[in-house]
């Protein structure tokens, strides 16, 4: 029994010494690790915090709100640069098109103006030698009828300062000749005296010759010459053809 007791006591003592030795070795190892991790210029004093080893945790969750890599950022920058360059080029092309369109419109307008001026010069040359009255380079075109004869006569009278109106001339023509420029009176006193009245306003030859308006025909049967001469005579005798309502 004593032997067994000693044996058990000895064993318990050995176990205690063994545990102390193991603990000492573990402490020494931890201190050694802490010492080796300390920079050369740092203090050699170790603490429990320096000796402790931080645990690393891992996660399978994706990281959010993290910008792309430098390569991705450069790629995005390159795309933006290309878009800006494309917009600038499009604006340049549009401006060039507008400029070309404006130049084309201007050129067309100039060509049309030159064409119109050329046509006008051609017309001036065509009518330059057809003057009804001295100083008139491009006379109007009149109808070859009673209305046209009266209107042409009025324009000539206006230039010569001879008074008269369309209504006054027309009224007297209808009474005197019914609008026939070849009319002739062979039965009145003038005809009996050998100087019959002739033309639209029944003018006798001596009166026509005395009041003939320069620039018109010297043929008494010419409608415009007959009207202007008769109106010139009426203006001198009655103030205007408008004041004549009967034989004059």
C-alpha atoms as a PDB file:
ATOM      1  CA  UNK A   1       0.000   0.000   0.000  1.00  0.00           C
ATOM      2  CA  UNK A   2       2.788   2.490   0.832  1.00  0.00           C
ATOM      3  CA  UNK A   3       4.526   1.724  -2.364  1.00  0.00           C
ATOM      4  CA  UNK A   4       1.426   2.321  -4.352  1.00  0.00           C
ATOM      5  CA  UNK A   5       0.712   5.536  -2.456  1.00  0.00           C
ATOM      6  CA  UNK A   6       4.204   6.883  -3.168  1.00  0.00           C
ATOM      7  CA  UNK A   7       3.896   5.862  -6.659  1.00  0.00           C
ATOM      8  CA  UNK A   8       0.607   7.762  -7.056  1.00  0.00           C
ATOM      9  CA  UNK A   9       2.032  10.790  -5.173  1.00  0.00           C
ATOM     10  CA  UNK A  10       5.123  10.789  -7.257  1.00  0.00           C
ATOM     11  CA  UNK A  11       3.034  10.611 -10.333  1.00  0.00           C
ATOM     12  CA  UNK A  12       0.929  13.546  -9.228  1.00  0.00           C
ATOM     13  CA  UNK A  13       4.110  15.555  -8.562  1.00  0.00           C
ATOM     14  CA  UNK A  14       5.417  14.695 -11.980  1.00  0.00           C
ATOM     15  CA  UNK A  15       2.192  15.742 -13.567  1.00  0.00           C
ATOM     16  CA  UNK A  16       2.351  19.113 -11.852  1.00  0.00           C
ATOM     17  CA  UNK A  17       5.974  19.637 -12.890  1.00  0.00           C
ATOM     18  CA  UNK A  18       5.175  18.517 -16.420  1.00  0.00           C
ATOM     19  CA  UNK A  19       2.303  20.988 -16.704  1.00  0.00           C
ATOM     20  CA  UNK A  20       4.468  23.816 -15.407  1.00  0.00           C
ATOM     21  CA  UNK A  21       7.213  22.946 -17.863  1.00  0.00           C
ATOM     22  CA  UNK A  22       4.809  22.816 -20.777  1.00  0.00           C
ATOM     23  CA  UNK A  23       3.287  26.141 -19.771  1.00  0.00           C
ATOM     24  CA  UNK A  24       6.737  27.650 -19.550  1.00  0.00           C
ATOM     25  CA  UNK A  25       7.688  26.376 -22.967  1.00  0.00           C
ATOM     26  CA  UNK A  26       4.439  27.775 -24.438  1.00  0.00           C
ATOM     27  CA  UNK A  27       5.036  31.165 -22.827  1.00  0.00           C
ATOM     28  CA  UNK A  28       8.573  31.241 -24.064  1.00  0.00           C
ATOM     29  CA  UNK A  29       7.456  30.403 -27.572  1.00  0.00           C
ATOM     30  CA  UNK A  30       4.860  33.171 -27.598  1.00  0.00           C
ATOM     31  CA  UNK A  31       7.406  35.677 -26.337  1.00  0.00           C
ATOM     32  CA  UNK A  32       9.801  34.567 -29.008  1.00  0.00           C
ATOM     33  CA  UNK A  33       7.204  35.091 -31.683  1.00  0.00           C
ATOM     34  CA  UNK A  34       6.356  38.537 -30.321  1.00  0.00           C
ATOM     35  CA  UNK A  35      10.026  39.457 -30.240  1.00  0.00           C
ATOM     36  CA  UNK A  36      10.678  38.353 -33.777  1.00  0.00           C
ATOM     37  CA  UNK A  37       7.689  40.378 -35.060  1.00  0.00           C
ATOM     38  CA  UNK A  38       8.949  43.588 -33.429  1.00  0.00           C
ATOM     39  CA  UNK A  39      10.862  45.936 -35.767  1.00  0.00           C
ATOM     40  CA  UNK A  40      14.576  46.347 -35.066  1.00  0.00           C
ATOM     41  CA  UNK A  41      14.206  49.977 -34.081  1.00  0.00           C
ATOM     42  CA  UNK A  42      11.198  49.339 -31.811  1.00  0.00           C
ATOM     43  CA  UNK A  43      11.214  48.562 -28.090  1.00  0.00           C
ATOM     44  CA  UNK A  44      11.981  44.989 -27.157  1.00  0.00           C
ATOM     45  CA  UNK A  45       9.403  45.040 -24.405  1.00  0.00           C
ATOM     46  CA  UNK A  46       6.559  42.700 -25.276  1.00  0.00           C
ATOM     47  CA  UNK A  47       2.980  42.913 -24.076  1.00  0.00           C
ATOM     48  CA  UNK A  48       0.064  40.629 -24.152  1.00  0.00           C
ATOM     49  CA  UNK A  49      -1.436  42.696 -27.038  1.00  0.00           C
ATOM     50  CA  UNK A  50       1.749  42.356 -29.147  1.00  0.00           C
ATOM     51  CA  UNK A  51       1.888  38.663 -28.450  1.00  0.00           C
ATOM     52  CA  UNK A  52      -1.720  38.069 -29.470  1.00  0.00           C
ATOM     53  CA  UNK A  53      -2.385  37.085 -33.048  1.00  0.00           C
ATOM     54  CA  UNK A  54      -5.323  38.825 -34.864  1.00  0.00           C
ATOM     55  CA  UNK A  55      -7.791  36.525 -36.390  1.00  0.00           C
ATOM     56  CA  UNK A  56      -8.649  36.873 -40.139  1.00  0.00           C
ATOM     57  CA  UNK A  57     -12.294  36.478 -41.116  1.00  0.00           C
ATOM     58  CA  UNK A  58     -13.350  35.488 -44.598  1.00  0.00           C
ATOM     59  CA  UNK A  59     -16.673  36.172 -46.338  1.00  0.00           C
ATOM     60  CA  UNK A  60     -18.269  34.972 -49.539  1.00  0.00           C
ATOM     61  CA  UNK A  61     -20.470  38.121 -49.844  1.00  0.00           C
ATOM     62  CA  UNK A  62     -19.591  40.391 -52.838  1.00  0.00           C
ATOM     63  CA  UNK A  63     -18.041  43.757 -51.987  1.00  0.00           C
ATOM     64  CA  UNK A  64     -20.369  46.665 -52.826  1.00  0.00           C
ATOM     65  CA  UNK A  65     -19.705  50.269 -53.931  1.00  0.00           C
ATOM     66  CA  UNK A  66     -16.161  49.589 -54.999  1.00  0.00           C
ATOM     67  CA  UNK A  67     -14.854  51.381 -58.070  1.00  0.00           C
ATOM     68  CA  UNK A  68     -13.512  49.421 -61.007  1.00  0.00           C
ATOM     69  CA  UNK A  69      -9.908  48.791 -61.614  1.00  0.00           C
ATOM     70  CA  UNK A  70      -7.585  51.324 -63.221  1.00  0.00           C
ATOM     71  CA  UNK A  71      -8.058  49.512 -66.524  1.00  0.00           C
ATOM     72  CA  UNK A  72     -11.859  49.875 -66.302  1.00  0.00           C
ATOM     73  CA  UNK A  73     -11.565  53.550 -65.386  1.00  0.00           C
ATOM     74  CA  UNK A  74      -9.237  54.191 -68.321  1.00  0.00           C
ATOM     75  CA  UNK A  75     -11.649  52.372 -70.631  1.00  0.00           C
ATOM     76  CA  UNK A  76     -14.565  54.541 -69.446  1.00  0.00           C
ATOM     77  CA  UNK A  77     -12.438  57.640 -69.938  1.00  0.00           C
ATOM     78  CA  UNK A  78     -11.579  56.535 -73.460  1.00  0.00           C
ATOM     79  CA  UNK A  79     -15.281  56.036 -74.351  1.00  0.00           C
ATOM     80  CA  UNK A  80     -16.164  59.499 -73.020  1.00  0.00           C
ATOM     81  CA  UNK A  81     -13.320  61.033 -75.020  1.00  0.00           C
ATOM     82  CA  UNK A  82     -14.546  59.320 -78.186  1.00  0.00           C
ATOM     83  CA  UNK A  83     -18.122  60.538 -77.587  1.00  0.00           C
ATOM     84  CA  UNK A  84     -16.936  64.116 -77.093  1.00  0.00           C
ATOM     85  CA  UNK A  85     -14.831  63.915 -80.263  1.00  0.00           C
ATOM     86  CA  UNK A  86     -17.799  62.465 -82.206  1.00  0.00           C
ATOM     87  CA  UNK A  87     -20.077  65.305 -81.030  1.00  0.00           C
ATOM     88  CA  UNK A  88     -17.491  67.910 -82.012  1.00  0.00           C
ATOM     89  CA  UNK A  89     -17.098  66.318 -85.444  1.00  0.00           C
ATOM     90  CA  UNK A  90     -20.882  66.195 -85.937  1.00  0.00           C
ATOM     91  CA  UNK A  91     -21.145  69.883 -85.023  1.00  0.00           C
ATOM     92  CA  UNK A  92     -18.312  70.707 -87.442  1.00  0.00           C
ATOM     93  CA  UNK A  93     -19.982  68.729 -90.246  1.00  0.00           C
ATOM     94  CA  UNK A  94     -23.342  70.448 -89.626  1.00  0.00           C
ATOM     95  CA  UNK A  95     -21.723  73.891 -89.693  1.00  0.00           C
ATOM     96  CA  UNK A  96     -19.972  72.997 -92.954  1.00  0.00           C
ATOM     97  CA  UNK A  97     -23.250  71.843 -94.514  1.00  0.00           C
ATOM     98  CA  UNK A  98     -25.026  75.037 -93.464  1.00  0.00           C
ATOM     99  CA  UNK A  99     -22.190  77.128 -94.853  1.00  0.00           C
ATOM    100  CA  UNK A 100     -22.279  75.233 -98.151  1.00  0.00           C
ATOM    101  CA  UNK A 101     -26.074  75.624 -98.403  1.00  0.00           C
ATOM    102  CA  UNK A 102     -25.836  79.360 -97.731  1.00  0.00           C
ATOM    103  CA  UNK A 103     -23.116  79.722-100.366  1.00  0.00           C
ATOM    104  CA  UNK A 104     -25.216  77.798-102.899  1.00  0.00           C
ATOM    105  CA  UNK A 105     -28.285  79.949-102.185  1.00  0.00           C
ATOM    106  CA  UNK A 106     -26.226  83.121-102.534  1.00  0.00           C
ATOM    107  CA  UNK A 107     -24.765  81.929-105.830  1.00  0.00           C
ATOM    108  CA  UNK A 108     -28.210  81.046-107.167  1.00  0.00           C
ATOM    109  CA  UNK A 109     -29.573  84.460-106.151  1.00  0.00           C
ATOM    110  CA  UNK A 110     -26.673  86.167-107.897  1.00  0.00           C
ATOM    111  CA  UNK A 111     -27.243  84.116-111.047  1.00  0.00           C
ATOM    112  CA  UNK A 112     -30.963  84.947-111.025  1.00  0.00           C
ATOM    113  CA  UNK A 113     -30.198  88.635-110.539  1.00  0.00           C
ATOM    114  CA  UNK A 114     -27.662  88.592-113.366  1.00  0.00           C
ATOM    115  CA  UNK A 115     -30.160  86.802-115.606  1.00  0.00           C
ATOM    116  CA  UNK A 116     -32.835  89.374-114.789  1.00  0.00           C
ATOM    117  CA  UNK A 117     -30.456  92.257-115.442  1.00  0.00           C
ATOM    118  CA  UNK A 118     -29.414  90.719-118.758  1.00  0.00           C
ATOM    119  CA  UNK A 119     -33.063  90.340-119.771  1.00  0.00           C
ATOM    120  CA  UNK A 120     -33.731  93.939-118.764  1.00  0.00           C
ATOM    121  CA  UNK A 121     -30.769  95.190-120.822  1.00  0.00           C
ATOM    122  CA  UNK A 122     -31.980  93.140-123.762  1.00  0.00           C
ATOM    123  CA  UNK A 123     -35.433  94.668-123.409  1.00  0.00           C
ATOM    124  CA  UNK A 124     -33.970  98.154-123.267  1.00  0.00           C
ATOM    125  CA  UNK A 125     -32.038  97.532-126.478  1.00  0.00           C
ATOM    126  CA  UNK A 126     -35.171  96.143-128.139  1.00  0.00           C
ATOM    127  CA  UNK A 127     -37.349  99.103-127.265  1.00  0.00           C
ATOM    128  CA  UNK A 128     -34.696 101.799-127.281  1.00  0.00           C
ATOM    129  CA  UNK A 129     -35.454 102.879-130.851  1.00  0.00           C
ATOM    130  CA  UNK A 130     -39.239 102.828-130.428  1.00  0.00           C
ATOM    131  CA  UNK A 131     -40.073 106.131-128.852  1.00  0.00           C
ATOM    132  CA  UNK A 132     -43.597 107.525-129.072  1.00  0.00           C
ATOM    133  CA  UNK A 133     -42.448 110.756-127.458  1.00  0.00           C
ATOM    134  CA  UNK A 134     -38.935 112.207-127.305  1.00  0.00           C
ATOM    135  CA  UNK A 135     -37.172 111.115-124.118  1.00  0.00           C
ATOM    136  CA  UNK A 136     -39.305 107.985-123.598  1.00  0.00           C
ATOM    137  CA  UNK A 137     -37.020 104.935-123.834  1.00  0.00           C
ATOM    138  CA  UNK A 138     -39.485 102.136-123.057  1.00  0.00           C
ATOM    139  CA  UNK A 139     -43.037 103.062-124.035  1.00  0.00           C
ATOM    140  CA  UNK A 140     -46.049 101.198-122.761  1.00  0.00           C
ATOM    141  CA  UNK A 141     -47.839  98.692-124.875  1.00  0.00           C
ATOM    142  CA  UNK A 142     -51.380  99.727-125.775  1.00  0.00           C
ATOM    143  CA  UNK A 143     -54.251  97.753-127.233  1.00  0.00           C
ATOM    144  CA  UNK A 144     -55.173  98.559-130.819  1.00  0.00           C
ATOM    145  CA  UNK A 145     -58.739  99.584-129.980  1.00  0.00           C
ATOM    146  CA  UNK A 146     -60.627 102.591-128.700  1.00  0.00           C
ATOM    147  CA  UNK A 147     -59.583 102.006-125.088  1.00  0.00           C
ATOM    148  CA  UNK A 148     -55.913 101.674-126.054  1.00  0.00           C
ATOM    149  CA  UNK A 149     -56.024 104.780-128.305  1.00  0.00           C
ATOM    150  CA  UNK A 150     -57.493 106.917-125.544  1.00  0.00           C
ATOM    151  CA  UNK A 151     -55.012 105.689-122.930  1.00  0.00           C
ATOM    152  CA  UNK A 152     -52.024 106.266-125.189  1.00  0.00           C
ATOM    153  CA  UNK A 153     -53.312 109.745-126.046  1.00  0.00           C
ATOM    154  CA  UNK A 154     -53.725 110.577-122.347  1.00  0.00           C
ATOM    155  CA  UNK A 155     -50.097 109.589-121.624  1.00  0.00           C
ATOM    156  CA  UNK A 156     -48.855 111.811-124.456  1.00  0.00           C
ATOM    157  CA  UNK A 157     -51.115 114.673-123.341  1.00  0.00           C
ATOM    158  CA  UNK A 158     -49.846 114.328-119.768  1.00  0.00           C
ATOM    159  CA  UNK A 159     -46.257 114.766-120.948  1.00  0.00           C
ATOM    160  CA  UNK A 160     -47.252 117.786-123.025  1.00  0.00           C
ATOM    161  CA  UNK A 161     -49.381 119.390-120.325  1.00  0.00           C
ATOM    162  CA  UNK A 162     -52.610 119.049-122.282  1.00  0.00           C
ATOM    163  CA  UNK A 163     -55.636 118.620-119.965  1.00  0.00           C
ATOM    164  CA  UNK A 164     -58.351 116.021-120.474  1.00  0.00           C
ATOM    165  CA  UNK A 165     -59.834 112.898-118.955  1.00  0.00           C
ATOM    166  CA  UNK A 166     -60.710 109.453-120.221  1.00  0.00           C
ATOM    167  CA  UNK A 167     -64.413 110.118-119.683  1.00  0.00           C
ATOM    168  CA  UNK A 168     -64.383 113.458-121.506  1.00  0.00           C
ATOM    169  CA  UNK A 169     -62.513 112.060-124.521  1.00  0.00           C
ATOM    170  CA  UNK A 170     -64.602 108.891-124.730  1.00  0.00           C
ATOM    171  CA  UNK A 171     -67.884 110.795-124.463  1.00  0.00           C
ATOM    172  CA  UNK A 172     -67.015 113.146-127.351  1.00  0.00           C
ATOM    173  CA  UNK A 173     -65.641 110.356-129.576  1.00  0.00           C
ATOM    174  CA  UNK A 174     -68.877 108.381-129.282  1.00  0.00           C
ATOM    175  CA  UNK A 175     -70.926 111.463-130.183  1.00  0.00           C
ATOM    176  CA  UNK A 176     -68.703 112.540-133.087  1.00  0.00           C
ATOM    177  CA  UNK A 177     -67.757 109.233-134.779  1.00  0.00           C
ATOM    178  CA  UNK A 178     -69.141 106.312-132.745  1.00  0.00           C
ATOM    179  CA  UNK A 179     -65.533 105.191-132.339  1.00  0.00           C
ATOM    180  CA  UNK A 180     -64.749 104.854-136.061  1.00  0.00           C
ATOM    181  CA  UNK A 181     -61.251 106.259-136.795  1.00  0.00           C
ATOM    182  CA  UNK A 182     -62.074 106.436-140.555  1.00  0.00           C
ATOM    183  CA  UNK A 183     -65.239 108.476-140.089  1.00  0.00           C
ATOM    184  CA  UNK A 184     -65.732 111.523-142.368  1.00  0.00           C
ATOM    185  CA  UNK A 185     -68.494 114.146-142.522  1.00  0.00           C
ATOM    186  CA  UNK A 186     -69.553 114.983-146.088  1.00  0.00           C
ATOM    187  CA  UNK A 187     -72.697 117.054-145.425  1.00  0.00           C
ATOM    188  CA  UNK A 188     -72.023 119.791-142.836  1.00  0.00           C
ATOM    189  CA  UNK A 189     -70.812 123.315-143.525  1.00  0.00           C
ATOM    190  CA  UNK A 190     -67.187 122.233-143.386  1.00  0.00           C
ATOM    191  CA  UNK A 191     -67.810 119.625-146.044  1.00  0.00           C
ATOM    192  CA  UNK A 192     -69.615 122.235-148.175  1.00  0.00           C
ATOM    193  CA  UNK A 193     -66.522 124.421-147.815  1.00  0.00           C
ATOM    194  CA  UNK A 194     -64.328 121.548-148.989  1.00  0.00           C
ATOM    195  CA  UNK A 195     -62.719 120.815-145.638  1.00  0.00           C
ATOM    196  CA  UNK A 196     -64.742 117.914-144.210  1.00  0.00           C
ATOM    197  CA  UNK A 197     -64.270 116.807-140.599  1.00  0.00           C
ATOM    198  CA  UNK A 198     -62.359 113.532-140.241  1.00  0.00           C
ATOM    199  CA  UNK A 199     -61.371 110.876-137.699  1.00  0.00           C
ATOM    200  CA  UNK A 200     -62.488 109.939-134.201  1.00  0.00           C
ATOM    201  CA  UNK A 201     -63.097 113.511-133.020  1.00  0.00           C
ATOM    202  CA  UNK A 202     -64.042 114.940-136.465  1.00  0.00           C
ATOM    203  CA  UNK A 203     -61.219 117.409-136.846  1.00  0.00           C
ATOM    204  CA  UNK A 204     -60.935 119.473-140.041  1.00  0.00           C
ATOM    205  CA  UNK A 205     -57.476 119.378-141.750  1.00  0.00           C
ATOM    206  CA  UNK A 206     -56.491 123.005-140.953  1.00  0.00           C
ATOM    207  CA  UNK A 207     -57.229 122.518-137.214  1.00  0.00           C
ATOM    208  CA  UNK A 208     -55.362 119.198-137.204  1.00  0.00           C
ATOM    209  CA  UNK A 209     -52.304 120.805-138.782  1.00  0.00           C
ATOM    210  CA  UNK A 210     -52.376 123.807-136.407  1.00  0.00           C
ATOM    211  CA  UNK A 211     -52.748 121.715-133.216  1.00  0.00           C
ATOM    212  CA  UNK A 212     -50.828 118.595-134.206  1.00  0.00           C
ATOM    213  CA  UNK A 213     -48.841 117.196-131.262  1.00  0.00           C
ATOM    214  CA  UNK A 214     -45.169 116.496-132.068  1.00  0.00           C
ATOM    215  CA  UNK A 215     -44.216 112.825-131.892  1.00  0.00           C
ATOM    216  CA  UNK A 216     -47.540 111.607-133.240  1.00  0.00           C
ATOM    217  CA  UNK A 217     -48.457 110.668-136.784  1.00  0.00           C
ATOM    218  CA  UNK A 218     -49.285 113.408-139.267  1.00  0.00           C
ATOM    219  CA  UNK A 219     -52.056 111.282-140.717  1.00  0.00           C
ATOM    220  CA  UNK A 220     -55.365 112.830-139.660  1.00  0.00           C
ATOM    221  CA  UNK A 221     -57.003 109.396-139.587  1.00  0.00           C
ATOM    222  CA  UNK A 222     -54.454 108.057-137.095  1.00  0.00           C
ATOM    223  CA  UNK A 223     -56.478 107.549-133.875  1.00  0.00           C
ATOM    224  CA  UNK A 224     -53.854 108.830-131.410  1.00  0.00           C
ATOM    225  CA  UNK A 225     -52.819 111.772-133.598  1.00  0.00           C
ATOM    226  CA  UNK A 226     -56.489 112.721-134.132  1.00  0.00           C
ATOM    227  CA  UNK A 227     -57.313 112.563-130.395  1.00  0.00           C
ATOM    228  CA  UNK A 228     -54.278 114.519-129.200  1.00  0.00           C
ATOM    229  CA  UNK A 229     -54.711 117.248-131.825  1.00  0.00           C
ATOM    230  CA  UNK A 230     -58.443 117.612-131.048  1.00  0.00           C
ATOM    231  CA  UNK A 231     -57.761 117.739-127.275  1.00  0.00           C
ATOM    232  CA  UNK A 232     -55.002 120.310-127.828  1.00  0.00           C
ATOM    233  CA  UNK A 233     -57.456 122.455-129.786  1.00  0.00           C
ATOM    234  CA  UNK A 234     -60.258 121.989-127.157  1.00  0.00           C
ATOM    235  CA  UNK A 235     -57.862 122.953-124.346  1.00  0.00           C
ATOM    236  CA  UNK A 236     -56.951 126.146-126.197  1.00  0.00           C
ATOM    237  CA  UNK A 237     -60.553 126.958-127.054  1.00  0.00           C
ATOM    238  CA  UNK A 238     -62.597 125.601-124.105  1.00  0.00           C
ATOM    239  CA  UNK A 239     -60.057 124.835-121.379  1.00  0.00           C
ATOM    240  CA  UNK A 240     -60.352 121.031-121.830  1.00  0.00           C
ATOM    241  CA  UNK A 241     -62.135 118.408-123.922  1.00  0.00           C
ATOM    242  CA  UNK A 242     -64.046 117.680-120.702  1.00  0.00           C
ATOM    243  CA  UNK A 243     -65.911 120.971-121.239  1.00  0.00           C
ATOM    244  CA  UNK A 244     -67.162 120.014-124.716  1.00  0.00           C
ATOM    245  CA  UNK A 245     -70.684 118.579-124.959  1.00  0.00           C
ATOM    246  CA  UNK A 246     -71.575 119.362-128.533  1.00  0.00           C
ATOM    247  CA  UNK A 247     -70.075 120.259-131.913  1.00  0.00           C
ATOM    248  CA  UNK A 248     -67.022 122.367-131.412  1.00  0.00           C
END
